[in-house]
Amino acid sequence: MIALVQTIDLILGLYTWVLIVAAVLSWLVAFNVVNPYSPAVRAVGQAIHVLTEPLLRPIRRILPPAGGMDFSPVVLLIAIFFLRRFIPEVLLGMM
């Protein structure tokens, strides 16, 4: 059971970093720091989009952009932090 909790925690931790990289990349593209037409940037952007969009899309339906800012990654990060704190207590508390 401990291995399962550690695996879930690792996946959630890695996904947290993917969300952070997605946010930073979007800022870099928005401020023209990186060229979005570069094949490398485009490949990384598409990979990150494929990984993040399935979980961000439902949040965006509920929480529309406010003043041009997309707060869905923040909401998802808060949910991930909650899960990382809550899952070990529940699963290991069942033992």
PDB file of N, CA and C in Angstrom:
ATOM      1  N   MET A   1       0.827  -1.192   0.000  1.00  0.00           N
ATOM      2  CA  MET A   1       0.000   0.000   0.000  1.00  0.00           C
ATOM      3  C   MET A   1       0.875   1.260   0.000  1.00  0.00           C
ATOM      4  N   ILE A   2       1.999   1.198   0.699  1.00  0.00           N
ATOM      5  CA  ILE A   2       2.899   2.353   0.745  1.00  0.00           C
ATOM      6  C   ILE A   2       3.467   2.644  -0.641  1.00  0.00           C
ATOM      7  N   ALA A   3       3.772   1.590  -1.392  1.00  0.00           N
ATOM      8  CA  ALA A   3       4.301   1.783  -2.746  1.00  0.00           C
ATOM      9  C   ALA A   3       3.270   2.483  -3.630  1.00  0.00           C
ATOM     10  N   LEU A   4       2.006   2.137  -3.479  1.00  0.00           N
ATOM     11  CA  LEU A   4       0.939   2.779  -4.250  1.00  0.00           C
ATOM     12  C   LEU A   4       0.840   4.263  -3.899  1.00  0.00           C
ATOM     13  N   VAL A   5       0.884   4.576  -2.633  1.00  0.00           N
ATOM     14  CA  VAL A   5       0.818   5.973  -2.189  1.00  0.00           C
ATOM     15  C   VAL A   5       2.015   6.755  -2.725  1.00  0.00           C
ATOM     16  N   GLN A   6       3.195   6.159  -2.669  1.00  0.00           N
ATOM     17  CA  GLN A   6       4.391   6.833  -3.169  1.00  0.00           C
ATOM     18  C   GLN A   6       4.329   7.038  -4.676  1.00  0.00           C
ATOM     19  N   THR A   7       3.789   6.070  -5.400  1.00  0.00           N
ATOM     20  CA  THR A   7       3.654   6.199  -6.852  1.00  0.00           C
ATOM     21  C   THR A   7       2.670   7.309  -7.210  1.00  0.00           C
ATOM     22  N   ILE A   8       1.545   7.345  -6.529  1.00  0.00           N
ATOM     23  CA  ILE A   8       0.551   8.397  -6.773  1.00  0.00           C
ATOM     24  C   ILE A   8       1.152   9.763  -6.455  1.00  0.00           C
ATOM     25  N   ASP A   9       1.881   9.847  -5.352  1.00  0.00           N
ATOM     26  CA  ASP A   9       2.509  11.108  -4.972  1.00  0.00           C
ATOM     27  C   ASP A   9       3.547  11.536  -6.005  1.00  0.00           C
ATOM     28  N   LEU A  10       4.309  10.590  -6.527  1.00  0.00           N
ATOM     29  CA  LEU A  10       5.307  10.904  -7.555  1.00  0.00           C
ATOM     30  C   LEU A  10       4.633  11.425  -8.825  1.00  0.00           C
ATOM     31  N   ILE A  11       3.570  10.778  -9.250  1.00  0.00           N
ATOM     32  CA  ILE A  11       2.856  11.202 -10.458  1.00  0.00           C
ATOM     33  C   ILE A  11       2.274  12.600 -10.267  1.00  0.00           C
ATOM     34  N   LEU A  12       1.679  12.854  -9.112  1.00  0.00           N
ATOM     35  CA  LEU A  12       1.122  14.179  -8.850  1.00  0.00           C
ATOM     36  C   LEU A  12       2.219  15.240  -8.773  1.00  0.00           C
ATOM     37  N   GLY A  13       3.365  14.879  -8.221  1.00  0.00           N
ATOM     38  CA  GLY A  13       4.487  15.816  -8.172  1.00  0.00           C
ATOM     39  C   GLY A  13       5.017  16.145  -9.557  1.00  0.00           C
ATOM     40  N   LEU A  14       5.142  15.135 -10.394  1.00  0.00           N
ATOM     41  CA  LEU A  14       5.593  15.372 -11.771  1.00  0.00           C
ATOM     42  C   LEU A  14       4.586  16.208 -12.547  1.00  0.00           C
ATOM     43  N   TYR A  15       3.305  15.937 -12.332  1.00  0.00           N
ATOM     44  CA  TYR A  15       2.274  16.706 -13.035  1.00  0.00           C
ATOM     45  C   TYR A  15       2.273  18.166 -12.573  1.00  0.00           C
ATOM     46  N   THR A  16       2.611  18.396 -11.321  1.00  0.00           N
ATOM     47  CA  THR A  16       2.743  19.758 -10.828  1.00  0.00           C
ATOM     48  C   THR A  16       3.801  20.506 -11.635  1.00  0.00           C
ATOM     49  N   TRP A  17       4.934  19.853 -11.877  1.00  0.00           N
ATOM     50  CA  TRP A  17       5.996  20.477 -12.661  1.00  0.00           C
ATOM     51  C   TRP A  17       5.580  20.693 -14.104  1.00  0.00           C
ATOM     52  N   VAL A  18       4.798  19.780 -14.658  1.00  0.00           N
ATOM     53  CA  VAL A  18       4.306  19.956 -16.026  1.00  0.00           C
ATOM     54  C   VAL A  18       3.420  21.200 -16.102  1.00  0.00           C
ATOM     55  N   LEU A  19       2.572  21.394 -15.111  1.00  0.00           N
ATOM     56  CA  LEU A  19       1.719  22.589 -15.082  1.00  0.00           C
ATOM     57  C   LEU A  19       2.543  23.865 -14.944  1.00  0.00           C
ATOM     58  N   ILE A  20       3.581  23.826 -14.138  1.00  0.00           N
ATOM     59  CA  ILE A  20       4.437  24.996 -13.973  1.00  0.00           C
ATOM     60  C   ILE A  20       5.167  25.309 -15.280  1.00  0.00           C
ATOM     61  N   VAL A  21       5.689  24.283 -15.935  1.00  0.00           N
ATOM     62  CA  VAL A  21       6.364  24.485 -17.219  1.00  0.00           C
ATOM     63  C   VAL A  21       5.388  25.030 -18.257  1.00  0.00           C
ATOM     64  N   ALA A  22       4.154  24.537 -18.242  1.00  0.00           N
ATOM     65  CA  ALA A  22       3.140  25.035 -19.185  1.00  0.00           C
ATOM     66  C   ALA A  22       2.876  26.515 -18.960  1.00  0.00           C
ATOM     67  N   ALA A  23       2.767  26.923 -17.707  1.00  0.00           N
ATOM     68  CA  ALA A  23       2.513  28.335 -17.411  1.00  0.00           C
ATOM     69  C   ALA A  23       3.699  29.196 -17.842  1.00  0.00           C
ATOM     70  N   VAL A  24       4.905  28.758 -17.522  1.00  0.00           N
ATOM     71  CA  VAL A  24       6.094  29.538 -17.891  1.00  0.00           C
ATOM     72  C   VAL A  24       6.227  29.622 -19.413  1.00  0.00           C
ATOM     73  N   LEU A  25       5.994  28.503 -20.097  1.00  0.00           N
ATOM     74  CA  LEU A  25       6.084  28.509 -21.554  1.00  0.00           C
ATOM     75  C   LEU A  25       5.047  29.444 -22.167  1.00  0.00           C
ATOM     76  N   SER A  26       3.845  29.461 -21.613  1.00  0.00           N
ATOM     77  CA  SER A  26       2.820  30.359 -22.146  1.00  0.00           C
ATOM     78  C   SER A  26       3.223  31.815 -21.953  1.00  0.00           C
ATOM     79  N   TRP A  27       3.863  32.134 -20.827  1.00  0.00           N
ATOM     80  CA  TRP A  27       4.334  33.505 -20.616  1.00  0.00           C
ATOM     81  C   TRP A  27       5.458  33.839 -21.583  1.00  0.00           C
ATOM     82  N   LEU A  28       6.375  32.906 -21.783  1.00  0.00           N
ATOM     83  CA  LEU A  28       7.491  33.159 -22.698  1.00  0.00           C
ATOM     84  C   LEU A  28       7.000  33.386 -24.119  1.00  0.00           C
ATOM     85  N   VAL A  29       5.988  32.653 -24.518  1.00  0.00           N
ATOM     86  CA  VAL A  29       5.418  32.842 -25.856  1.00  0.00           C
ATOM     87  C   VAL A  29       4.659  34.171 -25.918  1.00  0.00           C
ATOM     88  N   ALA A  30       3.905  34.484 -24.866  1.00  0.00           N
ATOM     89  CA  ALA A  30       3.107  35.716 -24.856  1.00  0.00           C
ATOM     90  C   ALA A  30       3.987  36.962 -24.914  1.00  0.00           C
ATOM     91  N   PHE A  31       5.150  36.907 -24.278  1.00  0.00           N
ATOM     92  CA  PHE A  31       6.040  38.074 -24.256  1.00  0.00           C
ATOM     93  C   PHE A  31       7.118  38.005 -25.333  1.00  0.00           C
ATOM     94  N   ASN A  32       6.927  37.122 -26.302  1.00  0.00           N
ATOM     95  CA  ASN A  32       7.834  36.966 -27.443  1.00  0.00           C
ATOM     96  C   ASN A  32       9.285  36.702 -27.044  1.00  0.00           C
ATOM     97  N   VAL A  33       9.469  35.974 -25.970  1.00  0.00           N
ATOM     98  CA  VAL A  33      10.814  35.579 -25.559  1.00  0.00           C
ATOM     99  C   VAL A  33      11.273  34.379 -26.376  1.00  0.00           C
ATOM    100  N   VAL A  34      10.337  33.470 -26.647  1.00  0.00           N
ATOM    101  CA  VAL A  34      10.634  32.319 -27.502  1.00  0.00           C
ATOM    102  C   VAL A  34       9.739  32.381 -28.731  1.00  0.00           C
ATOM    103  N   ASN A  35      10.217  31.800 -29.796  1.00  0.00           N
ATOM    104  CA  ASN A  35       9.489  31.793 -31.054  1.00  0.00           C
ATOM    105  C   ASN A  35       8.543  30.586 -31.087  1.00  0.00           C
ATOM    106  N   PRO A  36       7.229  30.810 -31.105  1.00  0.00           N
ATOM    107  CA  PRO A  36       6.297  29.679 -31.103  1.00  0.00           C
ATOM    108  C   PRO A  36       6.318  28.884 -32.408  1.00  0.00           C
ATOM    109  N   TYR A  37       6.958  29.411 -33.432  1.00  0.00           N
ATOM    110  CA  TYR A  37       7.027  28.695 -34.701  1.00  0.00           C
ATOM    111  C   TYR A  37       8.275  27.828 -34.808  1.00  0.00           C
ATOM    112  N   SER A  38       9.116  27.879 -33.807  1.00  0.00           N
ATOM    113  CA  SER A  38      10.287  27.013 -33.765  1.00  0.00           C
ATOM    114  C   SER A  38       9.818  25.560 -33.577  1.00  0.00           C
ATOM    115  N   PRO A  39      10.384  24.616 -34.326  1.00  0.00           N
ATOM    116  CA  PRO A  39       9.943  23.220 -34.194  1.00  0.00           C
ATOM    117  C   PRO A  39      10.108  22.665 -32.779  1.00  0.00           C
ATOM    118  N   ALA A  40      11.174  23.038 -32.091  1.00  0.00           N
ATOM    119  CA  ALA A  40      11.389  22.535 -30.734  1.00  0.00           C
ATOM    120  C   ALA A  40      10.355  23.100 -29.767  1.00  0.00           C
ATOM    121  N   VAL A  41      10.118  24.397 -29.857  1.00  0.00           N
ATOM    122  CA  VAL A  41       9.130  25.033 -28.974  1.00  0.00           C
ATOM    123  C   VAL A  41       7.744  24.495 -29.277  1.00  0.00           C
ATOM    124  N   ARG A  42       7.439  24.318 -30.554  1.00  0.00           N
ATOM    125  CA  ARG A  42       6.138  23.793 -30.937  1.00  0.00           C
ATOM    126  C   ARG A  42       5.944  22.369 -30.422  1.00  0.00           C
ATOM    127  N   ALA A  43       6.978  21.534 -30.507  1.00  0.00           N
ATOM    128  CA  ALA A  43       6.884  20.146 -30.037  1.00  0.00           C
ATOM    129  C   ALA A  43       6.667  20.103 -28.522  1.00  0.00           C
ATOM    130  N   VAL A  44       7.428  20.914 -27.798  1.00  0.00           N
ATOM    131  CA  VAL A  44       7.266  20.954 -26.340  1.00  0.00           C
ATOM    132  C   VAL A  44       5.878  21.493 -25.986  1.00  0.00           C
ATOM    133  N   GLY A  45       5.459  22.532 -26.660  1.00  0.00           N
ATOM    134  CA  GLY A  45       4.144  23.110 -26.395  1.00  0.00           C
ATOM    135  C   GLY A  45       3.004  22.148 -26.663  1.00  0.00           C
ATOM    136  N   GLN A  46       3.104  21.407 -27.750  1.00  0.00           N
ATOM    137  CA  GLN A  46       2.054  20.434 -28.060  1.00  0.00           C
ATOM    138  C   GLN A  46       2.040  19.298 -27.047  1.00  0.00           C
ATOM    139  N   ALA A  47       3.215  18.833 -26.637  1.00  0.00           N
ATOM    140  CA  ALA A  47       3.278  17.768 -25.637  1.00  0.00           C
ATOM    141  C   ALA A  47       2.677  18.226 -24.313  1.00  0.00           C
ATOM    142  N   ILE A  48       3.015  19.429 -23.906  1.00  0.00           N
ATOM    143  CA  ILE A  48       2.464  19.953 -22.661  1.00  0.00           C
ATOM    144  C   ILE A  48       0.958  20.161 -22.780  1.00  0.00           C
ATOM    145  N   HIS A  49       0.513  20.631 -23.938  1.00  0.00           N
ATOM    146  CA  HIS A  49      -0.926  20.828 -24.165  1.00  0.00           C
ATOM    147  C   HIS A  49      -1.677  19.496 -24.064  1.00  0.00           C
ATOM    148  N   VAL A  50      -1.119  18.461 -24.652  1.00  0.00           N
ATOM    149  CA  VAL A  50      -1.759  17.138 -24.600  1.00  0.00           C
ATOM    150  C   VAL A  50      -1.835  16.628 -23.163  1.00  0.00           C
ATOM    151  N   LEU A  51      -0.809  16.913 -22.367  1.00  0.00           N
ATOM    152  CA  LEU A  51      -0.791  16.438 -20.984  1.00  0.00           C
ATOM    153  C   LEU A  51      -1.702  17.241 -20.060  1.00  0.00           C
ATOM    154  N   THR A  52      -1.828  18.529 -20.291  1.00  0.00           N
ATOM    155  CA  THR A  52      -2.561  19.374 -19.350  1.00  0.00           C
ATOM    156  C   THR A  52      -4.014  19.651 -19.727  1.00  0.00           C
ATOM    157  N   GLU A  53      -4.298  19.701 -20.998  1.00  0.00           N
ATOM    158  CA  GLU A  53      -5.631  20.125 -21.433  1.00  0.00           C
ATOM    159  C   GLU A  53      -6.775  19.236 -20.933  1.00  0.00           C
ATOM    160  N   PRO A  54      -6.632  17.914 -20.872  1.00  0.00           N
ATOM    161  CA  PRO A  54      -7.765  17.113 -20.376  1.00  0.00           C
ATOM    162  C   PRO A  54      -8.207  17.463 -18.956  1.00  0.00           C
ATOM    163  N   LEU A  55      -7.295  17.902 -18.119  1.00  0.00           N
ATOM    164  CA  LEU A  55      -7.676  18.280 -16.756  1.00  0.00           C
ATOM    165  C   LEU A  55      -8.008  19.760 -16.623  1.00  0.00           C
ATOM    166  N   LEU A  56      -7.459  20.589 -17.486  1.00  0.00           N
ATOM    167  CA  LEU A  56      -7.747  22.024 -17.406  1.00  0.00           C
ATOM    168  C   LEU A  56      -9.064  22.403 -18.090  1.00  0.00           C
ATOM    169  N   ARG A  57      -9.448  21.680 -19.111  1.00  0.00           N
ATOM    170  CA  ARG A  57     -10.661  22.016 -19.865  1.00  0.00           C
ATOM    171  C   ARG A  57     -11.919  22.050 -18.985  1.00  0.00           C
ATOM    172  N   PRO A  58     -12.164  21.033 -18.134  1.00  0.00           N
ATOM    173  CA  PRO A  58     -13.373  21.115 -17.287  1.00  0.00           C
ATOM    174  C   PRO A  58     -13.336  22.282 -16.305  1.00  0.00           C
ATOM    175  N   ILE A  59     -12.143  22.626 -15.823  1.00  0.00           N
ATOM    176  CA  ILE A  59     -12.031  23.756 -14.906  1.00  0.00           C
ATOM    177  C   ILE A  59     -12.330  25.050 -15.652  1.00  0.00           C
ATOM    178  N   ARG A  60     -11.879  25.165 -16.897  1.00  0.00           N
ATOM    179  CA  ARG A  60     -12.135  26.375 -17.695  1.00  0.00           C
ATOM    180  C   ARG A  60     -13.610  26.543 -18.005  1.00  0.00           C
ATOM    181  N   ARG A  61     -14.339  25.436 -18.112  1.00  0.00           N
ATOM    182  CA  ARG A  61     -15.789  25.549 -18.356  1.00  0.00           C
ATOM    183  C   ARG A  61     -16.485  26.179 -17.160  1.00  0.00           C
ATOM    184  N   ILE A  62     -16.019  25.837 -15.958  1.00  0.00           N
ATOM    185  CA  ILE A  62     -16.636  26.349 -14.733  1.00  0.00           C
ATOM    186  C   ILE A  62     -16.108  27.742 -14.402  1.00  0.00           C
ATOM    187  N   LEU A  63     -14.793  27.950 -14.580  1.00  0.00           N
ATOM    188  CA  LEU A  63     -14.129  29.186 -14.201  1.00  0.00           C
ATOM    189  C   LEU A  63     -13.614  29.889 -15.450  1.00  0.00           C
ATOM    190  N   PRO A  64     -14.394  30.816 -16.002  1.00  0.00           N
ATOM    191  CA  PRO A  64     -13.946  31.499 -17.225  1.00  0.00           C
ATOM    192  C   PRO A  64     -12.763  32.423 -16.929  1.00  0.00           C
ATOM    193  N   PRO A  65     -12.015  32.803 -17.965  1.00  0.00           N
ATOM    194  CA  PRO A  65     -10.889  33.728 -17.754  1.00  0.00           C
ATOM    195  C   PRO A  65     -11.368  35.052 -17.168  1.00  0.00           C
ATOM    196  N   ALA A  66     -10.605  35.541 -16.216  1.00  0.00           N
ATOM    197  CA  ALA A  66     -10.959  36.804 -15.557  1.00  0.00           C
ATOM    198  C   ALA A  66      -9.955  37.864 -15.977  1.00  0.00           C
ATOM    199  N   GLY A  67     -10.392  38.815 -16.759  1.00  0.00           N
ATOM    200  CA  GLY A  67      -9.511  39.883 -17.189  1.00  0.00           C
ATOM    201  C   GLY A  67      -8.373  39.395 -18.063  1.00  0.00           C
ATOM    202  N   GLY A  68      -8.622  38.366 -18.841  1.00  0.00           N
ATOM    203  CA  GLY A  68      -7.596  37.823 -19.711  1.00  0.00           C
ATOM    204  C   GLY A  68      -6.663  36.836 -19.030  1.00  0.00           C
ATOM    205  N   MET A  69      -6.837  36.620 -17.746  1.00  0.00           N
ATOM    206  CA  MET A  69      -5.991  35.678 -17.007  1.00  0.00           C
ATOM    207  C   MET A  69      -6.718  34.346 -16.857  1.00  0.00           C
ATOM    208  N   ASP A  70      -5.980  33.270 -17.097  1.00  0.00           N
ATOM    209  CA  ASP A  70      -6.530  31.929 -16.963  1.00  0.00           C
ATOM    210  C   ASP A  70      -6.084  31.376 -15.609  1.00  0.00           C
ATOM    211  N   PHE A  71      -7.029  31.231 -14.700  1.00  0.00           N
ATOM    212  CA  PHE A  71      -6.716  30.746 -13.362  1.00  0.00           C
ATOM    213  C   PHE A  71      -6.913  29.240 -13.206  1.00  0.00           C
ATOM    214  N   SER A  72      -7.230  28.545 -14.288  1.00  0.00           N
ATOM    215  CA  SER A  72      -7.454  27.100 -14.186  1.00  0.00           C
ATOM    216  C   SER A  72      -6.205  26.338 -13.735  1.00  0.00           C
ATOM    217  N   PRO A  73      -4.985  26.704 -14.160  1.00  0.00           N
ATOM    218  CA  PRO A  73      -3.821  25.992 -13.622  1.00  0.00           C
ATOM    219  C   PRO A  73      -3.651  26.179 -12.114  1.00  0.00           C
ATOM    220  N   VAL A  74      -4.000  27.353 -11.618  1.00  0.00           N
ATOM    221  CA  VAL A  74      -3.896  27.597 -10.178  1.00  0.00           C
ATOM    222  C   VAL A  74      -4.888  26.710  -9.427  1.00  0.00           C
ATOM    223  N   VAL A  75      -6.103  26.611  -9.938  1.00  0.00           N
ATOM    224  CA  VAL A  75      -7.117  25.764  -9.311  1.00  0.00           C
ATOM    225  C   VAL A  75      -6.659  24.308  -9.325  1.00  0.00           C
ATOM    226  N   LEU A  76      -6.107  23.863 -10.448  1.00  0.00           N
ATOM    227  CA  LEU A  76      -5.634  22.484 -10.546  1.00  0.00           C
ATOM    228  C   LEU A  76      -4.451  22.240  -9.615  1.00  0.00           C
ATOM    229  N   LEU A  77      -3.545  23.194  -9.500  1.00  0.00           N
ATOM    230  CA  LEU A  77      -2.423  23.048  -8.577  1.00  0.00           C
ATOM    231  C   LEU A  77      -2.898  22.962  -7.129  1.00  0.00           C
ATOM    232  N   ILE A  78      -3.883  23.743  -6.763  1.00  0.00           N
ATOM    233  CA  ILE A  78      -4.445  23.667  -5.411  1.00  0.00           C
ATOM    234  C   ILE A  78      -5.068  22.304  -5.182  1.00  0.00           C
ATOM    235  N   ALA A  79      -5.784  21.780  -6.178  1.00  0.00           N
ATOM    236  CA  ALA A  79      -6.380  20.446  -6.056  1.00  0.00           C
ATOM    237  C   ALA A  79      -5.299  19.366  -5.910  1.00  0.00           C
ATOM    238  N   ILE A  80      -4.218  19.507  -6.670  1.00  0.00           N
ATOM    239  CA  ILE A  80      -3.127  18.534  -6.582  1.00  0.00           C
ATOM    240  C   ILE A  80      -2.469  18.604  -5.206  1.00  0.00           C
ATOM    241  N   PHE A  81      -2.220  19.796  -4.692  1.00  0.00           N
ATOM    242  CA  PHE A  81      -1.633  19.924  -3.358  1.00  0.00           C
ATOM    243  C   PHE A  81      -2.545  19.305  -2.299  1.00  0.00           C
ATOM    244  N   PHE A  82      -3.850  19.509  -2.449  1.00  0.00           N
ATOM    245  CA  PHE A  82      -4.809  18.897  -1.528  1.00  0.00           C
ATOM    246  C   PHE A  82      -4.741  17.375  -1.619  1.00  0.00           C
ATOM    247  N   LEU A  83      -4.734  16.847  -2.839  1.00  0.00           N
ATOM    248  CA  LEU A  83      -4.665  15.394  -3.010  1.00  0.00           C
ATOM    249  C   LEU A  83      -3.373  14.813  -2.450  1.00  0.00           C
ATOM    250  N   ARG A  84      -2.266  15.499  -2.667  1.00  0.00           N
ATOM    251  CA  ARG A  84      -0.981  15.002  -2.152  1.00  0.00           C
ATOM    252  C   ARG A  84      -0.975  14.976  -0.630  1.00  0.00           C
ATOM    253  N   ARG A  85      -1.721  15.831  -0.016  1.00  0.00           N
ATOM    254  CA  ARG A  85      -1.811  15.854   1.443  1.00  0.00           C
ATOM    255  C   ARG A  85      -2.851  14.852   1.948  1.00  0.00           C
ATOM    256  N   PHE A  86      -3.934  14.687   1.204  1.00  0.00           N
ATOM    257  CA  PHE A  86      -5.083  13.910   1.648  1.00  0.00           C
ATOM    258  C   PHE A  86      -4.939  12.414   1.383  1.00  0.00           C
ATOM    259  N   ILE A  87      -4.410  12.030   0.223  1.00  0.00           N
ATOM    260  CA  ILE A  87      -4.348  10.617  -0.182  1.00  0.00           C
ATOM    261  C   ILE A  87      -3.547   9.765   0.793  1.00  0.00           C
ATOM    262  N   PRO A  88      -2.352  10.160   1.213  1.00  0.00           N
ATOM    263  CA  PRO A  88      -1.624   9.292   2.153  1.00  0.00           C
ATOM    264  C   PRO A  88      -2.364   9.080   3.458  1.00  0.00           C
ATOM    265  N   GLU A  89      -3.022  10.114   3.961  1.00  0.00           N
ATOM    266  CA  GLU A  89      -3.751   9.971   5.216  1.00  0.00           C
ATOM    267  C   GLU A  89      -4.901   8.983   5.082  1.00  0.00           C
ATOM    268  N   VAL A  90      -5.593   9.034   3.957  1.00  0.00           N
ATOM    269  CA  VAL A  90      -6.740   8.153   3.762  1.00  0.00           C
ATOM    270  C   VAL A  90      -6.288   6.720   3.493  1.00  0.00           C
ATOM    271  N   LEU A  91      -5.384   6.539   2.549  1.00  0.00           N
ATOM    272  CA  LEU A  91      -4.976   5.187   2.184  1.00  0.00           C
ATOM    273  C   LEU A  91      -4.169   4.511   3.282  1.00  0.00           C
ATOM    274  N   LEU A  92      -3.261   5.231   3.908  1.00  0.00           N
ATOM    275  CA  LEU A  92      -2.467   4.627   4.977  1.00  0.00           C
ATOM    276  C   LEU A  92      -3.257   4.543   6.274  1.00  0.00           C
ATOM    277  N   GLY A  93      -4.274   5.383   6.414  1.00  0.00           N
ATOM    278  CA  GLY A  93      -5.130   5.306   7.598  1.00  0.00           C
ATOM    279  C   GLY A  93      -6.038   4.086   7.576  1.00  0.00           C
ATOM    280  N   MET A  94      -6.240   3.508   6.376  1.00  0.00           N
ATOM    281  CA  MET A  94      -7.075   2.308   6.237  1.00  0.00           C
ATOM    282  C   MET A  94      -6.343   1.057   6.689  1.00  0.00           C
ATOM    283  N   MET A  95      -5.035   1.152   6.849  1.00  0.00           N
ATOM    284  CA  MET A  95      -4.251  -0.031   7.208  1.00  0.00           C
ATOM    285  C   MET A  95      -4.388  -0.364   8.666  1.00  0.00           C
TER     286      MET A  95
END
